[in-house]
Amino acid sequence: MRSTRLQKLTIAGILTAVAVVGSMFSFPFLGSKCAPIQHMVNIICAVFLGPWYGVAVAFVASLLRNILGLGTPMAFPGSMFGALLCGLVYAKFPRLFPTCAAEVFGTAVLGGLAAYPVSVYVMGQSAAFYAFIIPFLISTAVGSVVSWVVLSAMSHSGVIRRLQQP
């Protein structure tokens, strides 16, 4: 049991580092900084670690990105809602398509709507209530496609099955 927890913490640490370093690959779009690697990491966390580790990785990566000047406060709602939803969906239905769809919905719709108060009250910017849905949708769609390709290759080679066995 202890080695499993240590393995999960190690994987979570590596994925956090991938998300932070991957945030250097970002592009601005309609007032948001789109970082698709974070969404890829969210889906990989859902598959290998579960929803709670996924939310923790998303939170720590967002915090580090903000501390290092690589992200904005939008990173929090833009990653954590998708991480939670795709982790819960994968735990219930262990398939890639619903997991990727949950990441897109959680980030674009739920995270996009939750970004409004962050924009207004934390960042002091005015924005429409639904203003972040499209930028978050683009970011999460790109990350979901990348994770789909990576995890499909891992699934076909049997790596996922071997890594998920206790």
N, C-alpha and C. Protein backbone atom coordinates (compact mmCIF):
# COMPACT_ATOMS: atom_id res chain seq x y z
N MET A 1 0.82 -1.19 0.00
CA MET A 1 0.00 0.00 0.00
C MET A 1 0.88 1.26 0.00
N ARG A 2 1.94 1.25 0.78
CA ARG A 2 2.81 2.41 0.86
C ARG A 2 3.51 2.67 -0.48
N SER A 3 3.93 1.61 -1.17
CA SER A 3 4.59 1.82 -2.45
C SER A 3 3.63 2.35 -3.50
N THR A 4 2.36 1.97 -3.42
CA THR A 4 1.37 2.49 -4.35
C THR A 4 1.18 3.99 -4.14
N ARG A 5 1.11 4.41 -2.89
CA ARG A 5 0.96 5.84 -2.58
C ARG A 5 2.19 6.60 -3.05
N LEU A 6 3.37 6.03 -2.83
CA LEU A 6 4.60 6.67 -3.28
C LEU A 6 4.65 6.76 -4.80
N GLN A 7 4.20 5.71 -5.49
CA GLN A 7 4.17 5.73 -6.94
C GLN A 7 3.22 6.82 -7.43
N LYS A 8 2.05 6.93 -6.80
CA LYS A 8 1.09 7.95 -7.22
C LYS A 8 1.64 9.35 -6.98
N LEU A 9 2.29 9.56 -5.85
CA LEU A 9 2.88 10.87 -5.58
C LEU A 9 4.00 11.20 -6.56
N THR A 10 4.77 10.18 -6.93
CA THR A 10 5.85 10.38 -7.90
C THR A 10 5.28 10.75 -9.26
N ILE A 11 4.27 10.01 -9.71
CA ILE A 11 3.62 10.31 -11.00
C ILE A 11 2.99 11.69 -10.96
N ALA A 12 2.34 12.02 -9.84
CA ALA A 12 1.72 13.35 -9.70
C ALA A 12 2.77 14.45 -9.78
N GLY A 13 3.91 14.25 -9.16
CA GLY A 13 4.99 15.23 -9.22
C GLY A 13 5.53 15.41 -10.63
N ILE A 14 5.71 14.30 -11.32
CA ILE A 14 6.20 14.36 -12.70
C ILE A 14 5.19 15.07 -13.59
N LEU A 15 3.91 14.73 -13.43
CA LEU A 15 2.88 15.37 -14.26
C LEU A 15 2.73 16.85 -13.93
N THR A 16 2.93 17.22 -12.66
CA THR A 16 2.91 18.64 -12.30
C THR A 16 4.04 19.37 -13.02
N ALA A 17 5.22 18.76 -13.01
CA ALA A 17 6.36 19.37 -13.71
C ALA A 17 6.09 19.48 -15.21
N VAL A 18 5.50 18.46 -15.80
CA VAL A 18 5.17 18.51 -17.23
C VAL A 18 4.19 19.66 -17.50
N ALA A 19 3.19 19.82 -16.63
CA ALA A 19 2.22 20.90 -16.82
C ALA A 19 2.87 22.27 -16.70
N VAL A 20 3.76 22.43 -15.73
CA VAL A 20 4.41 23.74 -15.54
C VAL A 20 5.34 24.04 -16.71
N VAL A 21 6.19 23.10 -17.05
CA VAL A 21 7.10 23.31 -18.18
C VAL A 21 6.32 23.44 -19.48
N GLY A 22 5.27 22.63 -19.62
CA GLY A 22 4.44 22.69 -20.82
C GLY A 22 3.69 23.99 -20.97
N SER A 23 3.54 24.74 -19.87
CA SER A 23 2.83 26.02 -19.97
C SER A 23 3.65 27.05 -20.73
N MET A 24 4.93 26.77 -20.94
CA MET A 24 5.73 27.66 -21.77
C MET A 24 5.27 27.57 -23.22
N PHE A 25 4.59 26.47 -23.55
CA PHE A 25 3.95 26.35 -24.85
C PHE A 25 2.50 26.80 -24.66
N SER A 26 2.26 28.07 -24.86
CA SER A 26 0.91 28.60 -24.72
C SER A 26 0.72 29.68 -25.77
N PHE A 27 -0.53 30.03 -25.97
CA PHE A 27 -0.83 31.08 -26.92
C PHE A 27 -1.98 31.92 -26.39
N PRO A 28 -1.91 33.23 -26.60
CA PRO A 28 -3.01 34.07 -26.14
C PRO A 28 -4.19 33.97 -27.09
N PHE A 29 -5.39 33.97 -26.52
CA PHE A 29 -6.59 33.94 -27.35
C PHE A 29 -7.73 34.60 -26.59
N LEU A 30 -8.22 35.71 -27.12
CA LEU A 30 -9.36 36.44 -26.55
C LEU A 30 -9.23 36.69 -25.05
N GLY A 31 -8.11 37.21 -24.62
CA GLY A 31 -7.93 37.58 -23.23
C GLY A 31 -7.51 36.45 -22.31
N SER A 32 -7.33 35.27 -22.83
CA SER A 32 -6.93 34.14 -22.01
C SER A 32 -5.63 33.58 -22.55
N LYS A 33 -4.84 33.01 -21.68
CA LYS A 33 -3.60 32.36 -22.08
C LYS A 33 -3.88 30.86 -22.17
N CYS A 34 -3.98 30.34 -23.38
CA CYS A 34 -4.34 28.94 -23.59
C CYS A 34 -3.11 28.06 -23.45
N ALA A 35 -3.19 27.09 -22.56
CA ALA A 35 -2.09 26.16 -22.30
C ALA A 35 -2.61 24.74 -22.44
N PRO A 36 -2.56 24.16 -23.64
CA PRO A 36 -3.16 22.84 -23.86
C PRO A 36 -2.47 21.70 -23.13
N ILE A 37 -1.22 21.85 -22.74
CA ILE A 37 -0.51 20.77 -22.06
C ILE A 37 -1.17 20.48 -20.71
N GLN A 38 -1.67 21.50 -20.03
CA GLN A 38 -2.35 21.29 -18.75
C GLN A 38 -3.54 20.36 -18.93
N HIS A 39 -4.26 20.48 -20.01
CA HIS A 39 -5.44 19.64 -20.24
C HIS A 39 -5.05 18.21 -20.59
N MET A 40 -3.93 18.08 -21.29
CA MET A 40 -3.40 16.75 -21.54
C MET A 40 -3.03 16.08 -20.21
N VAL A 41 -2.39 16.83 -19.34
CA VAL A 41 -2.00 16.31 -18.02
C VAL A 41 -3.24 15.94 -17.21
N ASN A 42 -4.30 16.75 -17.28
CA ASN A 42 -5.54 16.44 -16.56
C ASN A 42 -6.07 15.07 -16.95
N ILE A 43 -6.08 14.78 -18.23
CA ILE A 43 -6.63 13.50 -18.70
C ILE A 43 -5.71 12.35 -18.33
N ILE A 44 -4.41 12.55 -18.42
CA ILE A 44 -3.48 11.51 -18.02
C ILE A 44 -3.62 11.23 -16.52
N CYS A 45 -3.80 12.28 -15.73
CA CYS A 45 -4.05 12.09 -14.29
C CYS A 45 -5.33 11.31 -14.05
N ALA A 46 -6.36 11.60 -14.81
CA ALA A 46 -7.63 10.88 -14.65
C ALA A 46 -7.44 9.40 -14.88
N VAL A 47 -6.66 9.04 -15.89
CA VAL A 47 -6.45 7.64 -16.23
C VAL A 47 -5.56 6.93 -15.21
N PHE A 48 -4.50 7.56 -14.79
CA PHE A 48 -3.53 6.87 -13.93
C PHE A 48 -3.69 7.13 -12.44
N LEU A 49 -4.26 8.27 -12.06
CA LEU A 49 -4.26 8.64 -10.64
C LEU A 49 -5.64 8.83 -10.03
N GLY A 50 -6.62 9.20 -10.81
CA GLY A 50 -7.95 9.43 -10.28
C GLY A 50 -8.25 10.92 -10.13
N PRO A 51 -9.49 11.22 -9.77
CA PRO A 51 -9.93 12.63 -9.76
C PRO A 51 -9.25 13.50 -8.72
N TRP A 52 -9.00 12.99 -7.53
CA TRP A 52 -8.48 13.85 -6.46
C TRP A 52 -7.01 14.19 -6.69
N TYR A 53 -6.24 13.24 -7.15
CA TYR A 53 -4.87 13.56 -7.53
C TYR A 53 -4.87 14.53 -8.72
N GLY A 54 -5.80 14.34 -9.64
CA GLY A 54 -5.89 15.23 -10.79
C GLY A 54 -6.15 16.67 -10.39
N VAL A 55 -7.08 16.87 -9.45
CA VAL A 55 -7.36 18.22 -8.97
C VAL A 55 -6.15 18.78 -8.25
N ALA A 56 -5.47 17.96 -7.45
CA ALA A 56 -4.27 18.42 -6.74
C ALA A 56 -3.17 18.82 -7.72
N VAL A 57 -2.96 18.01 -8.74
CA VAL A 57 -1.95 18.33 -9.76
C VAL A 57 -2.32 19.63 -10.47
N ALA A 58 -3.59 19.78 -10.83
CA ALA A 58 -4.04 21.01 -11.51
C ALA A 58 -3.83 22.23 -10.62
N PHE A 59 -4.16 22.09 -9.32
CA PHE A 59 -3.99 23.22 -8.40
C PHE A 59 -2.51 23.59 -8.23
N VAL A 60 -1.67 22.59 -7.97
CA VAL A 60 -0.25 22.88 -7.74
C VAL A 60 0.39 23.43 -9.02
N ALA A 61 0.05 22.87 -10.16
CA ALA A 61 0.60 23.38 -11.42
C ALA A 61 0.15 24.81 -11.66
N SER A 62 -1.12 25.12 -11.39
CA SER A 62 -1.61 26.49 -11.55
C SER A 62 -0.91 27.44 -10.60
N LEU A 63 -0.72 27.01 -9.37
CA LEU A 63 -0.03 27.83 -8.38
C LEU A 63 1.41 28.11 -8.81
N LEU A 64 2.12 27.06 -9.22
CA LEU A 64 3.50 27.23 -9.66
C LEU A 64 3.59 28.11 -10.91
N ARG A 65 2.65 27.92 -11.83
CA ARG A 65 2.64 28.75 -13.04
C ARG A 65 2.47 30.22 -12.68
N ASN A 66 1.61 30.51 -11.72
CA ASN A 66 1.41 31.90 -11.30
C ASN A 66 2.62 32.45 -10.57
N ILE A 67 3.20 31.66 -9.69
CA ILE A 67 4.39 32.10 -8.96
C ILE A 67 5.55 32.38 -9.91
N LEU A 68 5.70 31.54 -10.93
CA LEU A 68 6.81 31.69 -11.88
C LEU A 68 6.50 32.68 -13.00
N GLY A 69 5.32 33.25 -13.02
CA GLY A 69 4.95 34.20 -14.06
C GLY A 69 4.62 33.56 -15.39
N LEU A 70 4.28 32.28 -15.37
CA LEU A 70 3.97 31.56 -16.61
C LEU A 70 2.46 31.45 -16.87
N GLY A 71 1.66 31.94 -15.94
CA GLY A 71 0.22 31.82 -16.09
C GLY A 71 -0.49 32.98 -15.42
N THR A 72 -1.78 32.95 -15.48
CA THR A 72 -2.62 33.96 -14.85
C THR A 72 -3.53 33.26 -13.84
N PRO A 73 -4.25 34.01 -13.03
CA PRO A 73 -5.21 33.37 -12.12
C PRO A 73 -6.28 32.55 -12.85
N MET A 74 -6.43 32.77 -14.14
CA MET A 74 -7.38 31.97 -14.92
C MET A 74 -6.97 30.50 -14.99
N ALA A 75 -5.73 30.22 -14.65
CA ALA A 75 -5.25 28.83 -14.68
C ALA A 75 -6.00 27.97 -13.68
N PHE A 76 -6.45 28.55 -12.57
CA PHE A 76 -7.13 27.75 -11.55
C PHE A 76 -8.48 27.22 -12.03
N PRO A 77 -9.44 28.07 -12.41
CA PRO A 77 -10.70 27.50 -12.90
C PRO A 77 -10.52 26.80 -14.24
N GLY A 78 -9.53 27.25 -15.02
CA GLY A 78 -9.31 26.67 -16.33
C GLY A 78 -8.74 25.27 -16.30
N SER A 79 -8.27 24.82 -15.16
CA SER A 79 -7.71 23.47 -15.10
C SER A 79 -8.41 22.58 -14.08
N MET A 80 -8.80 23.14 -12.97
CA MET A 80 -9.30 22.31 -11.87
C MET A 80 -10.68 21.70 -12.14
N PHE A 81 -11.58 22.44 -12.78
CA PHE A 81 -12.90 21.89 -13.08
C PHE A 81 -12.80 20.72 -14.06
N GLY A 82 -11.98 20.89 -15.09
CA GLY A 82 -11.79 19.81 -16.06
C GLY A 82 -11.14 18.59 -15.44
N ALA A 83 -10.15 18.82 -14.57
CA ALA A 83 -9.46 17.70 -13.91
C ALA A 83 -10.43 16.90 -13.05
N LEU A 84 -11.27 17.59 -12.30
CA LEU A 84 -12.23 16.90 -11.45
C LEU A 84 -13.25 16.12 -12.28
N LEU A 85 -13.83 16.78 -13.27
CA LEU A 85 -14.88 16.12 -14.04
C LEU A 85 -14.34 14.94 -14.85
N CYS A 86 -13.20 15.10 -15.50
CA CYS A 86 -12.69 13.97 -16.30
C CYS A 86 -12.23 12.84 -15.39
N GLY A 87 -11.72 13.15 -14.21
CA GLY A 87 -11.35 12.10 -13.26
C GLY A 87 -12.55 11.31 -12.77
N LEU A 88 -13.63 12.02 -12.46
CA LEU A 88 -14.86 11.34 -12.02
C LEU A 88 -15.46 10.48 -13.13
N VAL A 89 -15.44 11.01 -14.36
CA VAL A 89 -16.00 10.25 -15.49
C VAL A 89 -15.15 9.01 -15.76
N TYR A 90 -13.82 9.15 -15.73
CA TYR A 90 -12.98 7.97 -15.99
C TYR A 90 -13.14 6.92 -14.89
N ALA A 91 -13.35 7.37 -13.65
CA ALA A 91 -13.56 6.41 -12.56
C ALA A 91 -14.85 5.63 -12.75
N LYS A 92 -15.86 6.27 -13.33
CA LYS A 92 -17.16 5.61 -13.54
C LYS A 92 -17.20 4.84 -14.86
N PHE A 93 -16.67 5.43 -15.92
CA PHE A 93 -16.66 4.83 -17.27
C PHE A 93 -15.24 4.88 -17.80
N PRO A 94 -14.43 3.85 -17.57
CA PRO A 94 -13.01 3.91 -17.96
C PRO A 94 -12.77 3.81 -19.47
N ARG A 95 -13.18 4.85 -20.17
CA ARG A 95 -12.99 4.95 -21.61
C ARG A 95 -12.40 6.33 -21.92
N LEU A 96 -11.61 6.41 -22.99
CA LEU A 96 -10.95 7.67 -23.32
C LEU A 96 -11.90 8.73 -23.85
N PHE A 97 -12.84 8.36 -24.72
CA PHE A 97 -13.70 9.38 -25.32
C PHE A 97 -14.54 10.12 -24.29
N PRO A 98 -15.26 9.42 -23.39
CA PRO A 98 -16.03 10.18 -22.39
C PRO A 98 -15.13 10.98 -21.45
N THR A 99 -13.93 10.49 -21.19
CA THR A 99 -13.00 11.20 -20.32
C THR A 99 -12.55 12.50 -20.99
N CYS A 100 -12.20 12.42 -22.26
CA CYS A 100 -11.80 13.63 -23.00
C CYS A 100 -12.96 14.61 -23.12
N ALA A 101 -14.16 14.08 -23.38
CA ALA A 101 -15.34 14.95 -23.48
C ALA A 101 -15.63 15.64 -22.15
N ALA A 102 -15.43 14.91 -21.05
CA ALA A 102 -15.65 15.50 -19.73
C ALA A 102 -14.62 16.60 -19.45
N GLU A 103 -13.39 16.40 -19.88
CA GLU A 103 -12.37 17.43 -19.72
C GLU A 103 -12.76 18.69 -20.49
N VAL A 104 -13.22 18.50 -21.72
CA VAL A 104 -13.62 19.64 -22.53
C VAL A 104 -14.81 20.37 -21.90
N PHE A 105 -15.83 19.64 -21.48
CA PHE A 105 -17.00 20.27 -20.87
C PHE A 105 -16.63 20.93 -19.53
N GLY A 106 -15.89 20.21 -18.70
CA GLY A 106 -15.53 20.74 -17.39
C GLY A 106 -14.71 22.01 -17.49
N THR A 107 -13.75 22.02 -18.40
CA THR A 107 -12.89 23.19 -18.54
C THR A 107 -13.60 24.32 -19.28
N ALA A 108 -14.19 24.00 -20.44
CA ALA A 108 -14.77 25.06 -21.27
C ALA A 108 -16.00 25.67 -20.63
N VAL A 109 -16.93 24.85 -20.20
CA VAL A 109 -18.20 25.38 -19.69
C VAL A 109 -18.10 25.73 -18.21
N LEU A 110 -17.79 24.75 -17.36
CA LEU A 110 -17.75 25.01 -15.92
C LEU A 110 -16.59 25.95 -15.56
N GLY A 111 -15.40 25.64 -16.06
CA GLY A 111 -14.24 26.49 -15.79
C GLY A 111 -14.38 27.86 -16.43
N GLY A 112 -14.95 27.90 -17.64
CA GLY A 112 -15.17 29.18 -18.32
C GLY A 112 -16.12 30.08 -17.56
N LEU A 113 -17.18 29.51 -17.01
CA LEU A 113 -18.13 30.30 -16.21
C LEU A 113 -17.52 30.69 -14.87
N ALA A 114 -16.75 29.79 -14.26
CA ALA A 114 -16.11 30.09 -12.98
C ALA A 114 -14.99 31.13 -13.13
N ALA A 115 -14.51 31.33 -14.34
CA ALA A 115 -13.45 32.32 -14.57
C ALA A 115 -13.98 33.75 -14.47
N TYR A 116 -15.27 33.93 -14.63
CA TYR A 116 -15.85 35.28 -14.57
C TYR A 116 -15.54 35.97 -13.24
N PRO A 117 -15.88 35.36 -12.09
CA PRO A 117 -15.56 36.05 -10.84
C PRO A 117 -14.05 36.23 -10.62
N VAL A 118 -13.25 35.31 -11.12
CA VAL A 118 -11.80 35.47 -11.01
C VAL A 118 -11.37 36.69 -11.80
N SER A 119 -11.90 36.85 -13.00
CA SER A 119 -11.56 37.99 -13.84
C SER A 119 -11.99 39.30 -13.21
N VAL A 120 -13.21 39.34 -12.69
CA VAL A 120 -13.75 40.59 -12.16
C VAL A 120 -13.18 40.93 -10.80
N TYR A 121 -13.19 39.97 -9.87
CA TYR A 121 -12.82 40.28 -8.49
C TYR A 121 -11.34 40.09 -8.16
N VAL A 122 -10.67 39.19 -8.85
CA VAL A 122 -9.25 38.96 -8.57
C VAL A 122 -8.36 39.80 -9.49
N MET A 123 -8.70 39.80 -10.77
CA MET A 123 -7.86 40.49 -11.74
C MET A 123 -8.32 41.92 -12.02
N GLY A 124 -9.53 42.27 -11.57
CA GLY A 124 -10.03 43.63 -11.76
C GLY A 124 -10.39 43.98 -13.19
N GLN A 125 -10.67 42.98 -14.00
CA GLN A 125 -11.04 43.21 -15.40
C GLN A 125 -12.54 43.04 -15.56
N SER A 126 -13.09 43.76 -16.51
CA SER A 126 -14.50 43.56 -16.81
C SER A 126 -14.62 42.53 -17.93
N ALA A 127 -15.60 41.69 -17.81
CA ALA A 127 -15.79 40.65 -18.81
C ALA A 127 -17.25 40.21 -18.79
N ALA A 128 -17.71 39.69 -19.90
CA ALA A 128 -19.04 39.10 -19.93
C ALA A 128 -19.01 37.77 -19.18
N PHE A 129 -20.13 37.38 -18.65
CA PHE A 129 -20.22 36.16 -17.84
C PHE A 129 -19.71 34.93 -18.59
N TYR A 130 -19.94 34.89 -19.89
CA TYR A 130 -19.60 33.72 -20.71
C TYR A 130 -18.34 33.95 -21.55
N ALA A 131 -17.57 34.99 -21.27
CA ALA A 131 -16.46 35.40 -22.14
C ALA A 131 -15.34 34.38 -22.25
N PHE A 132 -15.17 33.51 -21.27
CA PHE A 132 -14.01 32.63 -21.27
C PHE A 132 -14.31 31.23 -21.80
N ILE A 133 -15.54 30.98 -22.16
CA ILE A 133 -15.90 29.65 -22.64
C ILE A 133 -15.16 29.30 -23.93
N ILE A 134 -15.15 30.18 -24.91
CA ILE A 134 -14.51 29.90 -26.20
C ILE A 134 -12.99 29.76 -26.06
N PRO A 135 -12.30 30.69 -25.38
CA PRO A 135 -10.84 30.49 -25.22
C PRO A 135 -10.50 29.21 -24.48
N PHE A 136 -11.25 28.90 -23.42
CA PHE A 136 -10.99 27.67 -22.68
C PHE A 136 -11.31 26.45 -23.54
N LEU A 137 -12.34 26.55 -24.38
CA LEU A 137 -12.71 25.45 -25.27
C LEU A 137 -11.57 25.14 -26.23
N ILE A 138 -10.97 26.16 -26.80
CA ILE A 138 -9.87 25.95 -27.75
C ILE A 138 -8.69 25.28 -27.05
N SER A 139 -8.33 25.78 -25.89
CA SER A 139 -7.20 25.23 -25.14
C SER A 139 -7.43 23.78 -24.76
N THR A 140 -8.59 23.49 -24.22
CA THR A 140 -8.87 22.12 -23.76
C THR A 140 -9.08 21.16 -24.93
N ALA A 141 -9.61 21.65 -26.04
CA ALA A 141 -9.79 20.77 -27.21
C ALA A 141 -8.43 20.33 -27.75
N VAL A 142 -7.49 21.25 -27.83
CA VAL A 142 -6.14 20.90 -28.30
C VAL A 142 -5.49 19.90 -27.34
N GLY A 143 -5.56 20.18 -26.05
CA GLY A 143 -4.98 19.27 -25.06
C GLY A 143 -5.64 17.91 -25.04
N SER A 144 -6.95 17.88 -25.27
CA SER A 144 -7.67 16.60 -25.29
C SER A 144 -7.26 15.75 -26.48
N VAL A 145 -7.07 16.38 -27.62
CA VAL A 145 -6.64 15.64 -28.80
C VAL A 145 -5.23 15.07 -28.58
N VAL A 146 -4.35 15.88 -28.01
CA VAL A 146 -2.99 15.40 -27.75
C VAL A 146 -3.02 14.22 -26.78
N SER A 147 -3.80 14.34 -25.71
CA SER A 147 -3.87 13.24 -24.74
C SER A 147 -4.53 12.01 -25.36
N TRP A 148 -5.50 12.20 -26.22
CA TRP A 148 -6.15 11.08 -26.91
C TRP A 148 -5.10 10.29 -27.71
N VAL A 149 -4.25 11.00 -28.43
CA VAL A 149 -3.22 10.35 -29.24
C VAL A 149 -2.22 9.61 -28.35
N VAL A 150 -1.75 10.29 -27.30
CA VAL A 150 -0.76 9.68 -26.39
C VAL A 150 -1.34 8.46 -25.69
N LEU A 151 -2.54 8.60 -25.11
CA LEU A 151 -3.13 7.50 -24.36
C LEU A 151 -3.61 6.36 -25.26
N SER A 152 -4.04 6.68 -26.46
CA SER A 152 -4.42 5.61 -27.40
C SER A 152 -3.20 4.76 -27.76
N ALA A 153 -2.08 5.41 -28.00
CA ALA A 153 -0.85 4.67 -28.29
C ALA A 153 -0.44 3.82 -27.09
N MET A 154 -0.55 4.38 -25.90
CA MET A 154 -0.21 3.64 -24.69
C MET A 154 -1.17 2.47 -24.46
N SER A 155 -2.42 2.67 -24.79
CA SER A 155 -3.42 1.61 -24.61
C SER A 155 -3.18 0.46 -25.59
N HIS A 156 -2.91 0.81 -26.84
CA HIS A 156 -2.68 -0.23 -27.86
C HIS A 156 -1.41 -1.03 -27.57
N SER A 157 -0.44 -0.41 -26.94
CA SER A 157 0.80 -1.13 -26.63
C SER A 157 0.71 -1.88 -25.30
N GLY A 158 -0.37 -1.71 -24.56
CA GLY A 158 -0.56 -2.40 -23.30
C GLY A 158 0.06 -1.71 -22.09
N VAL A 159 0.60 -0.52 -22.29
CA VAL A 159 1.26 0.18 -21.20
C VAL A 159 0.25 0.60 -20.12
N ILE A 160 -0.90 1.08 -20.53
CA ILE A 160 -1.90 1.52 -19.55
C ILE A 160 -2.31 0.36 -18.65
N ARG A 161 -2.56 -0.77 -19.26
CA ARG A 161 -2.99 -1.94 -18.49
C ARG A 161 -1.91 -2.35 -17.47
N ARG A 162 -0.66 -2.33 -17.90
CA ARG A 162 0.43 -2.71 -16.99
C ARG A 162 0.62 -1.69 -15.86
N LEU A 163 0.47 -0.41 -16.17
CA LEU A 163 0.67 0.62 -15.15
C LEU A 163 -0.49 0.69 -14.16
N GLN A 164 -1.67 0.28 -14.58
CA GLN A 164 -2.83 0.34 -13.69
C GLN A 164 -2.94 -0.87 -12.79
N GLN A 165 -2.19 -1.92 -13.07
CA GLN A 165 -2.23 -3.11 -12.19
C GLN A 165 -1.47 -2.81 -10.91
N PRO A 166 -2.05 -3.24 -9.78
CA PRO A 166 -1.37 -3.00 -8.49
C PRO A 166 -0.11 -3.83 -8.34
